[in-house]
Amino acid sequence: MFTTSLQVRFYETDMMEVAHHTNHLRWFEMGRVEFFRSCDISLWDMMNEGIVFPITKVSCEYKEPARFDDIITVEVTVAKLTRAQCVFTYRLVREADGALIATGETQNVFTDKETGKIIRLPDVFYKAMVAKAAKKEEAHEQGETD
């Protein structure tokens, strides 16, 4: 598991004074991008190699509201990783009280930027992701946190 934190911004709230439901998907993306960064992978590097990473499936289950100024921990787990796709699971947790805000999952595929066809991820990216996912899983099993 990989974690990163964010603070709910005022513009992310709605007339009901809670974070609008669409932001949860953005927060998942923030966690996913930070996971890549932790692997020393820049999404720009992938795109410059002609690789894009579209989402083919997304789900989110809302548990508790998030409000302006809440600090949210985004927990990202690589649930499945192949050279053609990656499935991430997410947990959004409010830091102040440990409340579970939402859970979710995305399925992403690696595709050729020009053709849109699914490709096999090159070693330079794939091995870095595998190593980080394995390292985080090992640390999680030993009770260590970020």
Protein backbone atom coordinates (compact mmCIF):
# COMPACT_ATOMS: atom_id res chain seq x y z
CA MET A 1 0.00 0.00 0.00
CA PHE A 2 1.14 3.52 -0.82
CA THR A 3 -0.25 6.60 0.94
CA THR A 4 -0.39 10.33 0.26
CA SER A 5 -2.44 13.11 1.85
CA LEU A 6 -4.51 16.03 0.65
CA GLN A 7 -6.62 18.77 2.16
CA VAL A 8 -10.20 19.27 0.96
CA ARG A 9 -10.36 22.66 -0.75
CA PHE A 10 -13.35 24.98 -0.51
CA TYR A 11 -14.06 24.83 -4.24
CA GLU A 12 -14.38 21.03 -3.98
CA THR A 13 -17.47 21.39 -1.77
CA ASP A 14 -21.05 21.72 -2.94
CA MET A 15 -24.24 23.39 -1.73
CA MET A 16 -24.63 20.63 0.87
CA GLU A 17 -21.26 21.73 2.33
CA VAL A 18 -19.56 18.42 1.58
CA ALA A 19 -16.96 17.48 -1.00
CA HIS A 20 -18.72 16.84 -4.30
CA HIS A 21 -18.72 13.17 -5.26
CA THR A 22 -16.69 13.74 -8.44
CA ASN A 23 -13.67 14.82 -6.40
CA HIS A 24 -13.18 11.33 -5.03
CA LEU A 25 -12.15 10.14 -8.50
CA ARG A 26 -9.69 13.04 -8.73
CA TRP A 27 -8.28 12.07 -5.34
CA PHE A 28 -7.86 8.49 -6.55
CA GLU A 29 -5.92 9.91 -9.49
CA MET A 30 -3.74 12.01 -7.20
CA GLY A 31 -2.85 8.87 -5.27
CA ARG A 32 -2.16 6.94 -8.46
CA VAL A 33 0.13 9.69 -9.83
CA GLU A 34 2.00 9.86 -6.52
CA PHE A 35 2.42 6.07 -6.65
CA PHE A 36 4.06 6.43 -10.07
CA ARG A 37 6.30 9.20 -8.75
CA SER A 38 7.35 6.95 -5.87
CA CYS A 39 8.45 4.45 -8.55
CA ASP A 40 10.55 7.22 -10.15
CA ILE A 41 8.17 7.16 -13.10
CA SER A 42 6.97 10.40 -14.60
CA LEU A 43 3.78 10.13 -16.59
CA TRP A 44 5.46 12.58 -18.99
CA ASP A 45 8.23 10.01 -19.51
CA MET A 46 5.65 7.39 -20.39
CA MET A 47 3.83 9.74 -22.75
CA ASN A 48 7.12 10.75 -24.39
CA GLU A 49 7.65 7.02 -25.06
CA GLY A 50 4.22 6.92 -26.72
CA ILE A 51 2.48 5.22 -23.78
CA VAL A 52 -0.79 6.41 -22.26
CA PHE A 53 -2.69 4.88 -19.38
CA PRO A 54 -6.47 5.25 -19.79
CA ILE A 55 -8.98 4.05 -17.24
CA THR A 56 -11.26 1.33 -18.58
CA LYS A 57 -13.26 0.78 -15.39
CA VAL A 58 -13.83 2.82 -12.23
CA SER A 59 -15.92 2.33 -9.11
CA CYS A 60 -16.38 4.32 -5.92
CA GLU A 61 -18.40 3.53 -2.82
CA TYR A 62 -19.09 6.56 -0.65
CA LYS A 63 -19.12 5.95 3.11
CA GLU A 64 -18.87 9.30 4.94
CA PRO A 65 -18.85 12.93 3.79
CA ALA A 66 -15.61 14.84 3.45
CA ARG A 67 -15.78 18.56 4.28
CA PHE A 68 -13.76 21.69 3.65
CA ASP A 69 -10.34 21.57 5.32
CA ASP A 70 -10.51 17.86 6.15
CA ILE A 71 -7.14 16.16 5.72
CA ILE A 72 -7.66 12.99 3.72
CA THR A 73 -5.19 10.13 3.43
CA VAL A 74 -5.36 8.40 0.06
CA GLU A 75 -4.36 4.75 0.37
CA VAL A 76 -3.43 3.15 -2.95
CA THR A 77 -2.85 -0.57 -3.42
CA VAL A 78 -1.76 -2.29 -6.60
CA ALA A 79 -4.29 -5.11 -6.74
CA LYS A 80 -3.15 -6.49 -10.11
CA LEU A 81 -0.23 -5.63 -12.34
CA THR A 82 0.58 -7.10 -15.74
CA ARG A 83 2.44 -5.60 -18.66
CA ALA A 84 -0.92 -4.71 -20.24
CA GLN A 85 -2.96 -3.46 -17.30
CA CYS A 86 -2.93 -2.32 -13.71
CA VAL A 87 -5.76 -2.45 -11.19
CA PHE A 88 -5.57 -0.09 -8.22
CA THR A 89 -7.75 -0.10 -5.13
CA TYR A 90 -8.23 2.97 -2.96
CA ARG A 91 -9.30 3.97 0.50
CA LEU A 92 -9.91 7.59 1.46
CA VAL A 93 -9.57 8.07 5.22
CA ARG A 94 -10.18 11.27 7.21
CA GLU A 95 -7.10 11.93 9.31
CA ALA A 96 -8.87 13.62 12.26
CA ASP A 97 -11.02 10.66 13.26
CA GLY A 98 -9.96 7.76 11.03
CA ALA A 99 -13.36 7.69 9.32
CA LEU A 100 -13.47 5.79 6.04
CA ILE A 101 -14.70 8.33 3.47
CA ALA A 102 -14.76 6.09 0.40
CA THR A 103 -13.35 3.00 -1.24
CA GLY A 104 -12.78 2.49 -4.93
CA GLU A 105 -11.04 0.74 -7.76
CA THR A 106 -9.71 1.64 -11.17
CA GLN A 107 -8.59 -0.58 -14.01
CA ASN A 108 -6.08 1.05 -16.32
CA VAL A 109 -4.54 -0.32 -19.50
CA PHE A 110 -1.28 0.63 -21.15
CA THR A 111 -1.89 1.76 -24.72
CA ASP A 112 -0.02 3.18 -27.67
CA LYS A 113 -0.58 6.94 -27.72
CA GLU A 114 -1.02 7.03 -31.51
CA THR A 115 -3.13 3.94 -32.18
CA GLY A 116 -4.95 3.44 -28.87
CA LYS A 117 -4.09 -0.26 -29.02
CA ILE A 118 -3.14 -2.08 -25.82
CA ILE A 119 0.61 -2.63 -25.56
CA ARG A 120 3.04 -4.42 -23.26
CA LEU A 121 4.70 -2.04 -20.82
CA PRO A 122 8.49 -1.85 -21.33
CA ASP A 123 10.79 -3.13 -18.58
CA VAL A 124 11.97 0.34 -17.57
CA PHE A 125 8.45 1.13 -16.28
CA TYR A 126 7.13 -2.34 -15.47
CA LYS A 127 10.05 -3.45 -13.28
CA ALA A 128 9.96 -0.21 -11.27
CA MET A 129 6.23 -0.67 -10.58
CA VAL A 130 6.63 -4.34 -9.66
CA ALA A 131 9.50 -3.54 -7.30
CA LYS A 132 7.60 -0.73 -5.55
CA ALA A 133 4.39 -2.75 -5.26
CA ALA A 134 6.31 -5.72 -3.81
CA LYS A 135 8.25 -3.49 -1.39
CA LYS A 136 5.09 -1.78 -0.14
CA GLU A 137 3.27 -5.12 0.25
CA GLU A 138 6.20 -6.52 2.23
CA ALA A 139 6.27 -3.44 4.49
CA HIS A 140 2.49 -3.66 4.96
CA GLU A 141 2.71 -7.32 5.96
CA GLN A 142 5.39 -6.42 8.51
CA GLY A 143 3.18 -3.67 9.97
CA GLU A 144 5.27 -0.76 8.69
CA THR A 145 3.66 2.43 7.36
CA ASP A 146 4.80 5.29 5.16
